[in-house]
Amino acid sequence: MTQGSLISTDNLIEVFSTIHGTVYQSDRESCVYLEFAGRKARYKFACLQRLKKAINGISLEKMTDVNHPGIEIIFLCGAEECFVLDITEILNLRELLEGTFAMFELNSILKDRLNRLIS
């Protein structure tokens, strides 16, 4: 386990990290682990994509309205975790997920280029 980590990082690959959280990939389990806001969650890749879509779909403008409670509850079908987030946490989670998916895309591009060189 890394210092301050909630997840045993043995056999895990760190995909992306910010000061607010980290995403790890487990090739052995075919899943990713999200460590955010003092909590940990295990997701299949498709579920992580749904989480990103849900987070990006939140209107920050509406959240700042005086009649809005100032929090959003995110529950994904098929996921064990539920998130109750304020506007700052939404921004922090967006940053973490954007970076994570950028790293997945970069990895895919590099793998494709290397395969072309080898072929």
C-alpha atoms as a PDB file:
ATOM      1  CA  MET A   1       0.000   0.000   0.000  1.00  0.00           C
ATOM      2  CA  THR A   2       1.392   3.430  -0.869  1.00  0.00           C
ATOM      3  CA  GLN A   3       1.566   6.018   1.881  1.00  0.00           C
ATOM      4  CA  GLY A   4      -1.876   7.593   2.333  1.00  0.00           C
ATOM      5  CA  SER A   5      -3.493   5.135  -0.080  1.00  0.00           C
ATOM      6  CA  LEU A   6      -6.710   3.299   0.722  1.00  0.00           C
ATOM      7  CA  ILE A   7      -5.996   0.611  -1.841  1.00  0.00           C
ATOM      8  CA  SER A   8      -3.284  -2.024  -1.800  1.00  0.00           C
ATOM      9  CA  THR A   9      -1.323  -1.046  -4.885  1.00  0.00           C
ATOM     10  CA  ASP A  10       0.398  -4.415  -5.270  1.00  0.00           C
ATOM     11  CA  ASN A  11      -0.346  -5.600  -8.832  1.00  0.00           C
ATOM     12  CA  LEU A  12      -1.956  -2.267  -9.709  1.00  0.00           C
ATOM     13  CA  ILE A  13      -0.800   0.312 -12.229  1.00  0.00           C
ATOM     14  CA  GLU A  14      -1.336   3.971 -11.425  1.00  0.00           C
ATOM     15  CA  VAL A  15      -3.160   5.513 -14.387  1.00  0.00           C
ATOM     16  CA  PHE A  16      -3.497   9.101 -13.199  1.00  0.00           C
ATOM     17  CA  SER A  17      -3.280  11.004  -9.956  1.00  0.00           C
ATOM     18  CA  THR A  18      -4.067  14.462  -8.593  1.00  0.00           C
ATOM     19  CA  ILE A  19      -3.847  15.792  -5.064  1.00  0.00           C
ATOM     20  CA  HIS A  20      -7.511  14.814  -4.708  1.00  0.00           C
ATOM     21  CA  GLY A  21      -7.391  11.215  -5.869  1.00  0.00           C
ATOM     22  CA  THR A  22      -5.896   8.430  -7.925  1.00  0.00           C
ATOM     23  CA  VAL A  23      -7.084   5.909 -10.484  1.00  0.00           C
ATOM     24  CA  TYR A  24      -5.378   2.514 -10.648  1.00  0.00           C
ATOM     25  CA  GLN A  25      -5.733  -0.204 -13.266  1.00  0.00           C
ATOM     26  CA  SER A  26      -5.764  -3.919 -12.488  1.00  0.00           C
ATOM     27  CA  ASP A  27      -5.057  -6.034 -15.552  1.00  0.00           C
ATOM     28  CA  ARG A  28      -5.476  -9.189 -13.493  1.00  0.00           C
ATOM     29  CA  GLU A  29      -8.987  -8.225 -12.349  1.00  0.00           C
ATOM     30  CA  SER A  30      -9.917  -6.332 -15.549  1.00  0.00           C
ATOM     31  CA  CYS A  31     -11.054  -3.313 -13.575  1.00  0.00           C
ATOM     32  CA  VAL A  32     -10.017   0.085 -12.306  1.00  0.00           C
ATOM     33  CA  TYR A  33      -9.922   1.422  -8.769  1.00  0.00           C
ATOM     34  CA  LEU A  34     -10.897   4.984  -8.002  1.00  0.00           C
ATOM     35  CA  GLU A  35      -9.587   6.562  -4.837  1.00  0.00           C
ATOM     36  CA  PHE A  36     -11.303   9.894  -4.222  1.00  0.00           C
ATOM     37  CA  ALA A  37     -12.444  12.006  -1.270  1.00  0.00           C
ATOM     38  CA  GLY A  38     -11.235   9.454   1.270  1.00  0.00           C
ATOM     39  CA  ARG A  39     -13.139   6.601  -0.386  1.00  0.00           C
ATOM     40  CA  LYS A  40     -12.273   3.800  -2.740  1.00  0.00           C
ATOM     41  CA  ALA A  41     -14.378   2.186  -5.429  1.00  0.00           C
ATOM     42  CA  ARG A  42     -13.858  -0.652  -7.896  1.00  0.00           C
ATOM     43  CA  TYR A  43     -15.287  -0.242 -11.406  1.00  0.00           C
ATOM     44  CA  LYS A  44     -15.337  -2.066 -14.672  1.00  0.00           C
ATOM     45  CA  PHE A  45     -14.135   0.227 -17.453  1.00  0.00           C
ATOM     46  CA  ALA A  46     -17.662   0.760 -18.859  1.00  0.00           C
ATOM     47  CA  CYS A  47     -18.916   1.828 -15.439  1.00  0.00           C
ATOM     48  CA  LEU A  48     -16.058   4.321 -15.093  1.00  0.00           C
ATOM     49  CA  GLN A  49     -17.088   5.738 -18.476  1.00  0.00           C
ATOM     50  CA  ARG A  50     -20.671   6.120 -17.179  1.00  0.00           C
ATOM     51  CA  LEU A  51     -19.354   7.885 -14.074  1.00  0.00           C
ATOM     52  CA  LYS A  52     -17.404  10.318 -16.260  1.00  0.00           C
ATOM     53  CA  LYS A  53     -20.491  10.973 -18.367  1.00  0.00           C
ATOM     54  CA  ALA A  54     -22.617  11.569 -15.263  1.00  0.00           C
ATOM     55  CA  ILE A  55     -20.057  13.936 -13.710  1.00  0.00           C
ATOM     56  CA  ASN A  56     -19.637  15.873 -16.955  1.00  0.00           C
ATOM     57  CA  GLY A  57     -23.419  16.132 -17.280  1.00  0.00           C
ATOM     58  CA  ILE A  58     -23.804  18.055 -14.030  1.00  0.00           C
ATOM     59  CA  SER A  59     -24.606  21.720 -14.592  1.00  0.00           C
ATOM     60  CA  LEU A  60     -22.308  23.756 -12.380  1.00  0.00           C
ATOM     61  CA  GLU A  61     -24.322  26.836 -13.256  1.00  0.00           C
ATOM     62  CA  LYS A  62     -27.483  25.262 -11.828  1.00  0.00           C
ATOM     63  CA  MET A  63     -25.589  24.208  -8.711  1.00  0.00           C
ATOM     64  CA  THR A  64     -24.771  27.839  -7.938  1.00  0.00           C
ATOM     65  CA  ASP A  65     -28.454  28.818  -8.081  1.00  0.00           C
ATOM     66  CA  VAL A  66     -29.862  29.894  -4.730  1.00  0.00           C
ATOM     67  CA  ASN A  67     -32.643  27.272  -4.961  1.00  0.00           C
ATOM     68  CA  HIS A  68     -30.223  24.398  -5.565  1.00  0.00           C
ATOM     69  CA  PRO A  69     -29.157  22.400  -2.488  1.00  0.00           C
ATOM     70  CA  GLY A  70     -25.498  22.686  -3.515  1.00  0.00           C
ATOM     71  CA  ILE A  71     -24.851  18.961  -3.754  1.00  0.00           C
ATOM     72  CA  GLU A  72     -25.373  16.293  -6.377  1.00  0.00           C
ATOM     73  CA  ILE A  73     -25.951  12.617  -5.702  1.00  0.00           C
ATOM     74  CA  ILE A  74     -24.415  10.313  -8.289  1.00  0.00           C
ATOM     75  CA  PHE A  75     -25.556   6.705  -8.302  1.00  0.00           C
ATOM     76  CA  LEU A  76     -24.672   4.415 -11.176  1.00  0.00           C
ATOM     77  CA  CYS A  77     -26.669   1.309 -11.948  1.00  0.00           C
ATOM     78  CA  GLY A  78     -24.460  -1.706 -11.365  1.00  0.00           C
ATOM     79  CA  ALA A  79     -22.006   0.178  -9.150  1.00  0.00           C
ATOM     80  CA  GLU A  80     -21.682  -0.318  -5.424  1.00  0.00           C
ATOM     81  CA  GLU A  81     -20.619   3.248  -4.685  1.00  0.00           C
ATOM     82  CA  CYS A  82     -22.745   6.374  -4.523  1.00  0.00           C
ATOM     83  CA  PHE A  83     -21.212   9.854  -4.523  1.00  0.00           C
ATOM     84  CA  VAL A  84     -22.618  12.898  -2.745  1.00  0.00           C
ATOM     85  CA  LEU A  85     -20.564  15.793  -4.079  1.00  0.00           C
ATOM     86  CA  ASP A  86     -20.440  19.538  -3.706  1.00  0.00           C
ATOM     87  CA  ILE A  87     -19.302  21.789  -6.540  1.00  0.00           C
ATOM     88  CA  THR A  88     -15.620  21.687  -5.536  1.00  0.00           C
ATOM     89  CA  GLU A  89     -15.621  17.894  -5.353  1.00  0.00           C
ATOM     90  CA  ILE A  90     -17.312  17.713  -8.760  1.00  0.00           C
ATOM     91  CA  LEU A  91     -14.580  19.878 -10.254  1.00  0.00           C
ATOM     92  CA  ASN A  92     -11.890  17.757  -8.575  1.00  0.00           C
ATOM     93  CA  LEU A  93     -13.464  14.498  -9.775  1.00  0.00           C
ATOM     94  CA  ARG A  94     -13.843  15.892 -13.305  1.00  0.00           C
ATOM     95  CA  GLU A  95     -10.148  16.720 -13.322  1.00  0.00           C
ATOM     96  CA  LEU A  96      -9.243  13.233 -12.123  1.00  0.00           C
ATOM     97  CA  LEU A  97     -11.473  11.495 -14.673  1.00  0.00           C
ATOM     98  CA  GLU A  98     -10.384  13.739 -17.569  1.00  0.00           C
ATOM     99  CA  GLY A  99      -6.743  12.980 -16.794  1.00  0.00           C
ATOM    100  CA  THR A 100      -7.481   9.283 -16.444  1.00  0.00           C
ATOM    101  CA  PHE A 101      -9.199   9.023 -19.809  1.00  0.00           C
ATOM    102  CA  ALA A 102      -6.464  11.119 -21.427  1.00  0.00           C
ATOM    103  CA  MET A 103      -3.924   8.572 -20.148  1.00  0.00           C
ATOM    104  CA  PHE A 104      -6.032   5.671 -21.452  1.00  0.00           C
ATOM    105  CA  GLU A 105      -6.189   7.377 -24.860  1.00  0.00           C
ATOM    106  CA  LEU A 106      -2.458   8.086 -24.851  1.00  0.00           C
ATOM    107  CA  ASN A 107      -1.756   4.471 -23.950  1.00  0.00           C
ATOM    108  CA  SER A 108      -3.951   3.323 -26.824  1.00  0.00           C
ATOM    109  CA  ILE A 109      -2.183   5.632 -29.283  1.00  0.00           C
ATOM    110  CA  LEU A 110       1.270   4.494 -28.131  1.00  0.00           C
ATOM    111  CA  LYS A 111       0.279   0.830 -28.328  1.00  0.00           C
ATOM    112  CA  ASP A 112      -1.071   1.342 -31.849  1.00  0.00           C
ATOM    113  CA  ARG A 113       2.117   3.125 -32.980  1.00  0.00           C
ATOM    114  CA  LEU A 114       4.362   0.465 -31.473  1.00  0.00           C
ATOM    115  CA  ASN A 115       2.350  -2.291 -33.130  1.00  0.00           C
ATOM    116  CA  ARG A 116       2.760  -0.517 -36.472  1.00  0.00           C
ATOM    117  CA  LEU A 117       6.524  -0.340 -35.995  1.00  0.00           C
ATOM    118  CA  ILE A 118       6.756  -4.009 -35.078  1.00  0.00           C
ATOM    119  CA  SER A 119       4.512  -5.204 -37.916  1.00  0.00           C
END
